[in-house]
Amino acid sequence: MKFTEIKDKSCPRTKATECSCASIKMLSEQAADVKAFVELQHSDKVKGTILLMQKPGTPTMIKGRIEGLDEGLHGFHIHEFGDMTDGCASMGGHYNPDGVEHGDLEEGHVGDLGNVTAGDDGVADFTIIAKRVDLMGDRSVVGRGMVIHKDEDDLGKGGDAESKKTGNAGDRLACGIIVLKE
């Protein structure tokens, strides 16, 4: 019996059988401002819209509003895949092209965005300046997933193995795919 290796031919960002990443790769440092957005889904309670904006040569600004959260801090991350075939579970781990341990906005996975804070009304309004998140070029996060978690992200300082992987941020409350805004 002859063994035949079957290679995964799915898109590295979305896991779809047909990849549309070519348009993302065309975005370059000479491009005009790039804008993307996320509509959080897969929750009856938690909803939100996030806008990502980057001008050539500048960090990405992430502005958002998430409603339906418990009061307090909630881990917020860019995940590896823009795949929602199994809800938020199919988005893979945090986007980590450098293969480093979990951390915060300054050090750690590219997808580590720290925490957002919900008030007693369950609403988190936030602006994040993410120096390591790109909307253009080979490391663009367009097409990847974004997840809001149930618990506070310990930023890799929790003292256990899971802290160095996920920040112990808990269940995935809602998620969405980062898509280009025209």
N, C-alpha and C. Protein backbone atom coordinates (compact mmCIF):
# COMPACT_ATOMS: atom_id res chain seq x y z
N MET A 1 0.83 -1.17 0.00
CA MET A 1 0.00 0.00 0.00
C MET A 1 0.88 1.24 0.00
N LYS A 2 0.63 2.15 -0.89
CA LYS A 2 1.43 3.35 -1.03
C LYS A 2 0.79 4.49 -0.23
N PHE A 3 1.62 5.18 0.55
CA PHE A 3 1.15 6.30 1.35
C PHE A 3 1.21 7.56 0.52
N THR A 4 0.13 8.28 0.46
CA THR A 4 0.08 9.55 -0.26
C THR A 4 -0.19 10.66 0.74
N GLU A 5 0.69 11.64 0.73
CA GLU A 5 0.51 12.76 1.64
C GLU A 5 -0.54 13.70 1.08
N ILE A 6 -1.49 14.06 1.92
CA ILE A 6 -2.53 15.00 1.53
C ILE A 6 -2.21 16.33 2.19
N LYS A 7 -2.01 17.34 1.38
CA LYS A 7 -1.68 18.66 1.91
C LYS A 7 -2.94 19.47 2.09
N ASP A 8 -2.96 20.25 3.17
CA ASP A 8 -4.07 21.14 3.44
C ASP A 8 -4.00 22.29 2.45
N LYS A 9 -5.00 22.41 1.60
CA LYS A 9 -5.00 23.45 0.57
C LYS A 9 -5.90 24.62 0.95
N SER A 10 -6.26 24.70 2.21
CA SER A 10 -7.16 25.78 2.63
C SER A 10 -6.36 27.07 2.85
N CYS A 11 -7.09 28.17 2.87
CA CYS A 11 -6.51 29.50 3.08
C CYS A 11 -5.89 29.58 4.48
N PRO A 12 -4.67 30.11 4.59
CA PRO A 12 -4.03 30.21 5.91
C PRO A 12 -4.69 31.21 6.85
N ARG A 13 -5.54 32.09 6.35
CA ARG A 13 -6.21 33.07 7.19
C ARG A 13 -7.62 32.65 7.57
N THR A 14 -8.35 32.13 6.59
CA THR A 14 -9.77 31.86 6.82
C THR A 14 -10.12 30.38 6.84
N LYS A 15 -9.21 29.53 6.41
CA LYS A 15 -9.40 28.09 6.25
C LYS A 15 -10.39 27.75 5.12
N ALA A 16 -10.81 28.74 4.35
CA ALA A 16 -11.72 28.49 3.23
C ALA A 16 -10.99 27.74 2.13
N THR A 17 -11.73 26.98 1.30
CA THR A 17 -11.08 26.24 0.23
C THR A 17 -10.54 27.16 -0.85
N GLU A 18 -11.17 28.30 -1.03
CA GLU A 18 -10.65 29.29 -1.97
C GLU A 18 -10.12 30.47 -1.18
N CYS A 19 -8.89 30.87 -1.48
CA CYS A 19 -8.25 31.94 -0.72
C CYS A 19 -8.35 33.26 -1.48
N SER A 20 -8.72 34.30 -0.78
CA SER A 20 -8.80 35.63 -1.38
C SER A 20 -7.73 36.54 -0.78
N CYS A 21 -6.63 35.96 -0.36
CA CYS A 21 -5.57 36.73 0.29
C CYS A 21 -4.77 37.58 -0.69
N ALA A 22 -4.90 37.34 -1.99
CA ALA A 22 -4.13 38.10 -2.97
C ALA A 22 -4.39 39.59 -2.84
N SER A 23 -5.63 39.99 -2.59
CA SER A 23 -5.94 41.42 -2.44
C SER A 23 -5.28 41.99 -1.20
N ILE A 24 -5.14 41.18 -0.16
CA ILE A 24 -4.49 41.64 1.06
C ILE A 24 -3.00 41.86 0.81
N LYS A 25 -2.38 40.93 0.06
CA LYS A 25 -0.95 41.03 -0.22
C LYS A 25 -0.62 42.24 -1.09
N MET A 26 -1.61 42.74 -1.85
CA MET A 26 -1.37 43.91 -2.68
C MET A 26 -1.27 45.18 -1.86
N LEU A 27 -1.80 45.18 -0.65
CA LEU A 27 -1.69 46.36 0.20
C LEU A 27 -0.22 46.54 0.54
N SER A 28 0.31 47.71 0.31
CA SER A 28 1.73 47.92 0.56
C SER A 28 1.92 49.21 1.34
N GLU A 29 3.15 49.49 1.68
CA GLU A 29 3.47 50.71 2.41
C GLU A 29 3.12 51.96 1.60
N GLN A 30 2.98 51.82 0.28
CA GLN A 30 2.63 52.98 -0.53
C GLN A 30 1.13 53.15 -0.67
N ALA A 31 0.38 52.25 -0.11
CA ALA A 31 -1.08 52.34 -0.20
C ALA A 31 -1.58 53.53 0.61
N ALA A 32 -2.77 53.95 0.31
CA ALA A 32 -3.40 55.00 1.09
C ALA A 32 -3.81 54.42 2.43
N ASP A 33 -4.52 55.20 3.22
CA ASP A 33 -5.02 54.71 4.50
C ASP A 33 -5.79 53.41 4.29
N VAL A 34 -5.61 52.48 5.21
CA VAL A 34 -6.34 51.22 5.15
C VAL A 34 -7.27 51.17 6.35
N LYS A 35 -8.52 50.80 6.09
CA LYS A 35 -9.50 50.66 7.15
C LYS A 35 -10.11 49.27 7.07
N ALA A 36 -10.34 48.69 8.23
CA ALA A 36 -10.99 47.38 8.31
C ALA A 36 -11.96 47.43 9.49
N PHE A 37 -12.87 46.48 9.53
CA PHE A 37 -13.82 46.46 10.64
C PHE A 37 -14.18 45.04 11.01
N VAL A 38 -14.75 44.91 12.19
CA VAL A 38 -15.20 43.63 12.73
C VAL A 38 -16.59 43.83 13.31
N GLU A 39 -17.49 42.93 12.99
CA GLU A 39 -18.81 42.90 13.62
C GLU A 39 -18.82 41.65 14.48
N LEU A 40 -18.86 41.81 15.80
CA LEU A 40 -18.83 40.66 16.70
C LEU A 40 -20.14 39.88 16.60
N GLN A 41 -20.01 38.54 16.56
CA GLN A 41 -21.14 37.65 16.39
C GLN A 41 -21.03 36.46 17.34
N HIS A 42 -21.89 35.51 17.15
CA HIS A 42 -21.93 34.24 17.89
C HIS A 42 -22.23 34.41 19.37
N SER A 43 -23.08 35.38 19.67
CA SER A 43 -23.53 35.57 21.03
C SER A 43 -24.90 36.23 20.99
N ASP A 44 -25.78 35.79 21.87
CA ASP A 44 -27.08 36.43 21.98
C ASP A 44 -26.98 37.71 22.79
N LYS A 45 -25.98 37.79 23.64
CA LYS A 45 -25.86 38.90 24.59
C LYS A 45 -24.79 39.92 24.19
N VAL A 46 -23.62 39.45 23.80
CA VAL A 46 -22.48 40.33 23.53
C VAL A 46 -22.46 40.72 22.04
N LYS A 47 -22.47 42.01 21.80
CA LYS A 47 -22.44 42.56 20.44
C LYS A 47 -21.41 43.68 20.39
N GLY A 48 -20.87 43.92 19.22
CA GLY A 48 -19.93 45.03 19.10
C GLY A 48 -19.45 45.25 17.69
N THR A 49 -18.91 46.44 17.50
CA THR A 49 -18.31 46.82 16.23
C THR A 49 -16.94 47.42 16.53
N ILE A 50 -15.95 46.98 15.77
CA ILE A 50 -14.59 47.45 15.96
C ILE A 50 -14.07 47.96 14.63
N LEU A 51 -13.42 49.11 14.64
CA LEU A 51 -12.82 49.71 13.45
C LEU A 51 -11.31 49.70 13.64
N LEU A 52 -10.59 49.26 12.61
CA LEU A 52 -9.13 49.27 12.61
C LEU A 52 -8.69 50.22 11.50
N MET A 53 -7.74 51.11 11.79
CA MET A 53 -7.27 52.09 10.81
C MET A 53 -5.76 52.19 10.87
N GLN A 54 -5.13 52.24 9.67
CA GLN A 54 -3.68 52.41 9.63
C GLN A 54 -3.31 53.27 8.43
N LYS A 55 -2.48 54.26 8.69
CA LYS A 55 -1.89 55.08 7.63
C LYS A 55 -0.50 54.52 7.37
N PRO A 56 0.01 54.63 6.16
CA PRO A 56 1.36 54.11 5.88
C PRO A 56 2.39 54.63 6.88
N GLY A 57 3.18 53.71 7.42
CA GLY A 57 4.25 54.07 8.34
C GLY A 57 3.81 54.40 9.76
N THR A 58 2.56 54.15 10.10
CA THR A 58 2.07 54.46 11.45
C THR A 58 1.49 53.20 12.09
N PRO A 59 1.34 53.21 13.43
CA PRO A 59 0.71 52.07 14.09
C PRO A 59 -0.79 52.01 13.76
N THR A 60 -1.37 50.87 13.99
CA THR A 60 -2.80 50.68 13.75
C THR A 60 -3.59 51.17 14.97
N MET A 61 -4.65 51.93 14.69
CA MET A 61 -5.55 52.37 15.74
C MET A 61 -6.78 51.47 15.68
N ILE A 62 -7.17 50.95 16.85
CA ILE A 62 -8.33 50.07 16.97
C ILE A 62 -9.32 50.76 17.89
N LYS A 63 -10.50 51.09 17.35
CA LYS A 63 -11.55 51.76 18.14
C LYS A 63 -12.77 50.86 18.13
N GLY A 64 -13.40 50.74 19.28
CA GLY A 64 -14.57 49.89 19.31
C GLY A 64 -15.52 50.15 20.44
N ARG A 65 -16.65 49.49 20.32
CA ARG A 65 -17.69 49.52 21.36
C ARG A 65 -18.27 48.12 21.43
N ILE A 66 -18.19 47.53 22.62
CA ILE A 66 -18.73 46.19 22.84
C ILE A 66 -19.76 46.29 23.96
N GLU A 67 -20.94 45.75 23.73
CA GLU A 67 -22.04 45.80 24.70
C GLU A 67 -22.38 44.39 25.17
N GLY A 68 -22.99 44.30 26.35
CA GLY A 68 -23.46 43.03 26.88
C GLY A 68 -22.43 42.28 27.71
N LEU A 69 -21.39 42.95 28.13
CA LEU A 69 -20.34 42.33 28.93
C LEU A 69 -20.65 42.47 30.42
N ASP A 70 -20.06 41.61 31.23
CA ASP A 70 -20.09 41.80 32.68
C ASP A 70 -19.13 42.95 33.00
N GLU A 71 -19.39 43.67 34.06
CA GLU A 71 -18.52 44.77 34.46
C GLU A 71 -17.11 44.25 34.73
N GLY A 72 -16.11 45.00 34.27
CA GLY A 72 -14.72 44.64 34.54
C GLY A 72 -13.89 44.46 33.29
N LEU A 73 -12.74 43.82 33.46
CA LEU A 73 -11.77 43.63 32.38
C LEU A 73 -12.05 42.36 31.60
N HIS A 74 -11.83 42.44 30.29
CA HIS A 74 -12.04 41.30 29.39
C HIS A 74 -10.90 41.24 28.39
N GLY A 75 -10.28 40.04 28.28
CA GLY A 75 -9.22 39.84 27.30
C GLY A 75 -9.74 40.07 25.89
N PHE A 76 -8.89 40.66 25.06
CA PHE A 76 -9.26 41.04 23.70
C PHE A 76 -8.10 40.69 22.79
N HIS A 77 -8.36 39.85 21.78
CA HIS A 77 -7.26 39.34 20.96
C HIS A 77 -7.61 39.22 19.49
N ILE A 78 -6.57 39.27 18.66
CA ILE A 78 -6.68 38.89 17.26
C ILE A 78 -6.27 37.42 17.21
N HIS A 79 -7.12 36.60 16.61
CA HIS A 79 -6.84 35.17 16.52
C HIS A 79 -6.38 34.79 15.13
N GLU A 80 -5.78 33.62 15.06
CA GLU A 80 -5.10 33.13 13.87
C GLU A 80 -5.98 33.03 12.62
N PHE A 81 -7.21 32.58 12.79
CA PHE A 81 -8.05 32.32 11.62
C PHE A 81 -9.34 33.13 11.64
N GLY A 82 -9.75 33.55 10.46
CA GLY A 82 -11.05 34.18 10.28
C GLY A 82 -12.05 33.10 9.89
N ASP A 83 -12.18 32.10 10.72
CA ASP A 83 -13.01 30.94 10.45
C ASP A 83 -14.06 30.82 11.55
N MET A 84 -15.33 30.88 11.18
CA MET A 84 -16.39 30.76 12.17
C MET A 84 -17.28 29.56 11.88
N THR A 85 -16.72 28.52 11.23
CA THR A 85 -17.51 27.34 10.93
C THR A 85 -17.99 26.63 12.19
N ASP A 86 -17.22 26.73 13.28
CA ASP A 86 -17.60 26.17 14.56
C ASP A 86 -17.67 27.30 15.59
N GLY A 87 -18.28 28.42 15.18
CA GLY A 87 -18.35 29.58 16.06
C GLY A 87 -16.96 30.11 16.36
N CYS A 88 -16.80 30.66 17.53
CA CYS A 88 -15.52 31.26 17.92
C CYS A 88 -14.43 30.21 18.15
N ALA A 89 -14.82 28.97 18.39
CA ALA A 89 -13.85 27.90 18.66
C ALA A 89 -12.94 27.62 17.47
N SER A 90 -13.41 27.87 16.25
CA SER A 90 -12.62 27.53 15.07
C SER A 90 -11.64 28.64 14.66
N MET A 91 -11.51 29.68 15.48
CA MET A 91 -10.60 30.78 15.14
C MET A 91 -9.15 30.49 15.52
N GLY A 92 -8.88 29.34 16.10
CA GLY A 92 -7.51 28.99 16.45
C GLY A 92 -7.01 29.81 17.63
N GLY A 93 -5.69 29.81 17.81
CA GLY A 93 -5.06 30.54 18.90
C GLY A 93 -4.83 32.00 18.53
N HIS A 94 -4.16 32.72 19.42
CA HIS A 94 -3.84 34.12 19.15
C HIS A 94 -2.91 34.19 17.95
N TYR A 95 -3.06 35.25 17.15
CA TYR A 95 -2.17 35.45 16.01
C TYR A 95 -0.77 35.69 16.54
N ASN A 96 0.16 34.79 16.19
CA ASN A 96 1.50 34.78 16.77
C ASN A 96 2.53 34.43 15.70
N PRO A 97 2.74 35.31 14.71
CA PRO A 97 3.68 34.98 13.64
C PRO A 97 5.13 34.87 14.09
N ASP A 98 5.46 35.39 15.28
CA ASP A 98 6.84 35.36 15.77
C ASP A 98 7.12 34.16 16.67
N GLY A 99 6.10 33.37 17.01
CA GLY A 99 6.29 32.19 17.84
C GLY A 99 6.78 32.50 19.24
N VAL A 100 6.24 33.57 19.85
CA VAL A 100 6.66 33.98 21.19
C VAL A 100 5.57 33.66 22.21
N GLU A 101 5.89 33.85 23.49
CA GLU A 101 4.91 33.60 24.55
C GLU A 101 3.92 34.76 24.63
N HIS A 102 2.76 34.47 25.23
CA HIS A 102 1.70 35.46 25.43
C HIS A 102 2.20 36.63 26.27
N GLY A 103 1.67 37.81 25.97
CA GLY A 103 2.07 38.99 26.73
C GLY A 103 1.03 40.08 26.63
N ASP A 104 1.52 41.29 26.42
CA ASP A 104 0.63 42.44 26.38
C ASP A 104 0.77 43.16 25.04
N LEU A 105 0.32 44.38 24.99
CA LEU A 105 0.35 45.16 23.75
C LEU A 105 1.76 45.45 23.27
N GLU A 106 2.73 45.50 24.19
CA GLU A 106 4.12 45.81 23.83
C GLU A 106 4.96 44.58 23.52
N GLU A 107 4.75 43.50 24.26
CA GLU A 107 5.53 42.28 24.08
C GLU A 107 4.61 41.08 24.16
N GLY A 108 4.78 40.14 23.24
CA GLY A 108 3.95 38.95 23.22
C GLY A 108 3.49 38.67 21.81
N HIS A 109 2.38 37.98 21.70
CA HIS A 109 1.80 37.70 20.39
C HIS A 109 1.40 39.01 19.72
N VAL A 110 1.48 39.05 18.41
CA VAL A 110 0.98 40.22 17.68
C VAL A 110 -0.50 40.42 18.01
N GLY A 111 -1.23 39.32 18.20
CA GLY A 111 -2.66 39.39 18.48
C GLY A 111 -3.04 39.74 19.90
N ASP A 112 -2.06 39.93 20.79
CA ASP A 112 -2.35 40.28 22.18
C ASP A 112 -2.67 41.77 22.29
N LEU A 113 -3.95 42.08 22.52
CA LEU A 113 -4.38 43.46 22.60
C LEU A 113 -4.70 43.89 24.03
N GLY A 114 -4.38 43.03 25.00
CA GLY A 114 -4.61 43.38 26.40
C GLY A 114 -6.06 43.18 26.81
N ASN A 115 -6.59 44.11 27.55
CA ASN A 115 -7.96 44.05 28.07
C ASN A 115 -8.74 45.29 27.67
N VAL A 116 -10.06 45.11 27.56
CA VAL A 116 -10.97 46.25 27.46
C VAL A 116 -11.78 46.24 28.75
N THR A 117 -12.24 47.43 29.16
CA THR A 117 -12.96 47.56 30.42
C THR A 117 -14.41 47.91 30.18
N ALA A 118 -15.29 47.06 30.71
CA ALA A 118 -16.73 47.32 30.64
C ALA A 118 -17.18 47.99 31.92
N GLY A 119 -18.00 49.02 31.78
CA GLY A 119 -18.55 49.70 32.94
C GLY A 119 -19.71 48.92 33.53
N ASP A 120 -20.36 49.49 34.54
CA ASP A 120 -21.48 48.81 35.17
C ASP A 120 -22.68 48.67 34.24
N ASP A 121 -22.64 49.38 33.11
CA ASP A 121 -23.68 49.25 32.09
C ASP A 121 -23.38 48.14 31.09
N GLY A 122 -22.24 47.45 31.26
CA GLY A 122 -21.86 46.35 30.36
C GLY A 122 -21.25 46.79 29.05
N VAL A 123 -20.90 48.06 28.95
CA VAL A 123 -20.35 48.61 27.70
C VAL A 123 -18.87 48.92 27.85
N ALA A 124 -18.10 48.49 26.85
CA ALA A 124 -16.68 48.82 26.78
C ALA A 124 -16.47 49.67 25.53
N ASP A 125 -16.12 50.93 25.73
CA ASP A 125 -15.71 51.83 24.65
C ASP A 125 -14.20 51.95 24.77
N PHE A 126 -13.47 51.77 23.67
CA PHE A 126 -12.02 51.75 23.77
C PHE A 126 -11.34 52.25 22.50
N THR A 127 -10.11 52.71 22.68
CA THR A 127 -9.19 53.03 21.60
C THR A 127 -7.85 52.42 21.98
N ILE A 128 -7.31 51.63 21.08
CA ILE A 128 -6.03 50.96 21.31
C ILE A 128 -5.09 51.37 20.18
N ILE A 129 -3.86 51.76 20.52
CA ILE A 129 -2.83 52.00 19.51
C ILE A 129 -1.95 50.75 19.53
N ALA A 130 -2.01 49.99 18.44
CA ALA A 130 -1.32 48.69 18.36
C ALA A 130 -0.16 48.78 17.38
N LYS A 131 1.03 49.01 17.90
CA LYS A 131 2.23 49.20 17.08
C LYS A 131 2.61 47.96 16.27
N ARG A 132 2.30 46.78 16.77
CA ARG A 132 2.72 45.54 16.09
C ARG A 132 1.65 44.95 15.18
N VAL A 133 0.48 45.56 15.13
CA VAL A 133 -0.62 45.07 14.29
C VAL A 133 -0.57 45.82 12.96
N ASP A 134 -0.52 45.06 11.87
CA ASP A 134 -0.48 45.64 10.54
C ASP A 134 -1.75 45.33 9.76
N LEU A 135 -2.22 46.30 9.01
CA LEU A 135 -3.32 46.09 8.09
C LEU A 135 -2.81 45.93 6.66
N MET A 136 -1.52 46.21 6.44
CA MET A 136 -0.92 46.10 5.13
C MET A 136 0.28 45.16 5.17
N GLY A 137 0.60 44.61 4.02
CA GLY A 137 1.79 43.78 3.90
C GLY A 137 1.57 42.34 4.31
N ASP A 138 2.67 41.60 4.38
CA ASP A 138 2.63 40.15 4.63
C ASP A 138 2.05 39.79 5.99
N ARG A 139 2.17 40.66 6.96
CA ARG A 139 1.67 40.37 8.32
C ARG A 139 0.32 41.01 8.59
N SER A 140 -0.38 41.38 7.54
CA SER A 140 -1.69 41.98 7.70
C SER A 140 -2.62 41.05 8.48
N VAL A 141 -3.41 41.64 9.36
CA VAL A 141 -4.38 40.86 10.14
C VAL A 141 -5.74 40.78 9.44
N VAL A 142 -5.87 41.44 8.30
CA VAL A 142 -7.13 41.38 7.56
C VAL A 142 -7.41 39.92 7.18
N GLY A 143 -8.63 39.48 7.44
CA GLY A 143 -9.00 38.10 7.18
C GLY A 143 -8.86 37.19 8.39
N ARG A 144 -8.24 37.68 9.43
CA ARG A 144 -8.09 36.90 10.67
C ARG A 144 -9.27 37.18 11.59
N GLY A 145 -9.31 36.53 12.74
CA GLY A 145 -10.43 36.68 13.66
C GLY A 145 -10.11 37.60 14.82
N MET A 146 -11.16 38.13 15.44
CA MET A 146 -11.02 38.95 16.64
C MET A 146 -12.00 38.40 17.67
N VAL A 147 -11.54 38.27 18.93
CA VAL A 147 -12.34 37.63 19.98
C VAL A 147 -12.33 38.47 21.25
N ILE A 148 -13.51 38.59 21.86
CA ILE A 148 -13.62 39.17 23.20
C ILE A 148 -13.86 38.00 24.16
N HIS A 149 -13.11 37.99 25.26
CA HIS A 149 -13.15 36.88 26.21
C HIS A 149 -13.93 37.25 27.47
N LYS A 150 -14.30 36.20 28.21
CA LYS A 150 -15.10 36.35 29.43
C LYS A 150 -14.31 36.98 30.58
N ASP A 151 -13.03 36.60 30.70
CA ASP A 151 -12.25 36.99 31.86
C ASP A 151 -11.15 37.98 31.51
N GLU A 152 -10.53 38.51 32.54
CA GLU A 152 -9.38 39.40 32.38
C GLU A 152 -8.19 38.61 31.85
N ASP A 153 -7.45 39.20 30.94
CA ASP A 153 -6.20 38.63 30.44
C ASP A 153 -5.11 38.98 31.45
N ASP A 154 -4.39 37.98 31.95
CA ASP A 154 -3.34 38.24 32.95
C ASP A 154 -2.02 38.68 32.29
N LEU A 155 -2.03 38.86 30.97
CA LEU A 155 -0.91 39.38 30.20
C LEU A 155 0.35 38.52 30.31
N GLY A 156 0.16 37.23 30.53
CA GLY A 156 1.29 36.31 30.61
C GLY A 156 1.99 36.28 31.95
N LYS A 157 1.41 36.94 32.96
CA LYS A 157 2.05 37.05 34.28
C LYS A 157 1.36 36.19 35.33
N GLY A 158 0.56 35.21 34.90
CA GLY A 158 -0.22 34.40 35.84
C GLY A 158 0.54 33.29 36.51
N GLY A 159 1.77 33.02 36.05
CA GLY A 159 2.60 32.02 36.72
C GLY A 159 2.29 30.58 36.37
N ASP A 160 1.48 30.34 35.32
CA ASP A 160 1.23 28.96 34.89
C ASP A 160 1.35 28.85 33.37
N ALA A 161 1.34 27.63 32.87
CA ALA A 161 1.53 27.39 31.44
C ALA A 161 0.45 28.06 30.59
N GLU A 162 -0.79 28.03 31.04
CA GLU A 162 -1.89 28.63 30.27
C GLU A 162 -1.72 30.15 30.18
N SER A 163 -1.15 30.75 31.19
CA SER A 163 -0.91 32.19 31.18
C SER A 163 0.02 32.57 30.03
N LYS A 164 1.03 31.75 29.79
CA LYS A 164 2.01 32.03 28.72
C LYS A 164 1.44 31.72 27.34
N LYS A 165 0.27 31.08 27.30
CA LYS A 165 -0.37 30.73 26.03
C LYS A 165 -1.57 31.63 25.71
N THR A 166 -2.45 31.82 26.70
CA THR A 166 -3.71 32.54 26.46
C THR A 166 -3.97 33.70 27.41
N GLY A 167 -3.16 33.83 28.45
CA GLY A 167 -3.41 34.86 29.46
C GLY A 167 -4.57 34.52 30.38
N ASN A 168 -5.00 33.25 30.36
CA ASN A 168 -6.11 32.79 31.21
C ASN A 168 -7.36 33.66 31.03
N ALA A 169 -7.61 34.08 29.78
CA ALA A 169 -8.71 35.01 29.51
C ALA A 169 -10.08 34.33 29.46
N GLY A 170 -10.12 33.02 29.54
CA GLY A 170 -11.40 32.32 29.65
C GLY A 170 -12.14 32.15 28.34
N ASP A 171 -13.43 31.86 28.48
CA ASP A 171 -14.29 31.55 27.34
C ASP A 171 -14.32 32.68 26.32
N ARG A 172 -14.61 32.28 25.09
CA ARG A 172 -14.77 33.24 23.99
C ARG A 172 -16.24 33.66 23.97
N LEU A 173 -16.50 34.93 24.28
CA LEU A 173 -17.87 35.41 24.36
C LEU A 173 -18.46 35.75 23.00
N ALA A 174 -17.69 36.37 22.14
CA ALA A 174 -18.13 36.76 20.82
C ALA A 174 -16.91 36.92 19.94
N CYS A 175 -17.12 36.85 18.63
CA CYS A 175 -16.00 36.93 17.69
C CYS A 175 -16.47 37.46 16.35
N GLY A 176 -15.52 37.83 15.53
CA GLY A 176 -15.84 38.28 14.18
C GLY A 176 -14.59 38.25 13.32
N ILE A 177 -14.77 38.41 12.03
CA ILE A 177 -13.68 38.38 11.06
C ILE A 177 -13.30 39.82 10.70
N ILE A 178 -12.01 40.08 10.65
CA ILE A 178 -11.49 41.40 10.26
C ILE A 178 -11.60 41.52 8.74
N VAL A 179 -12.42 42.43 8.26
CA VAL A 179 -12.63 42.59 6.81
C VAL A 179 -12.29 44.02 6.40
N LEU A 180 -11.79 44.18 5.17
CA LEU A 180 -11.48 45.50 4.64
C LEU A 180 -12.74 46.34 4.52
N LYS A 181 -12.60 47.59 4.82
CA LYS A 181 -13.70 48.53 4.66
C LYS A 181 -13.44 49.36 3.41
N GLU A 182 -14.41 49.45 2.55
CA GLU A 182 -14.19 50.18 1.29
C GLU A 182 -14.52 51.64 1.43
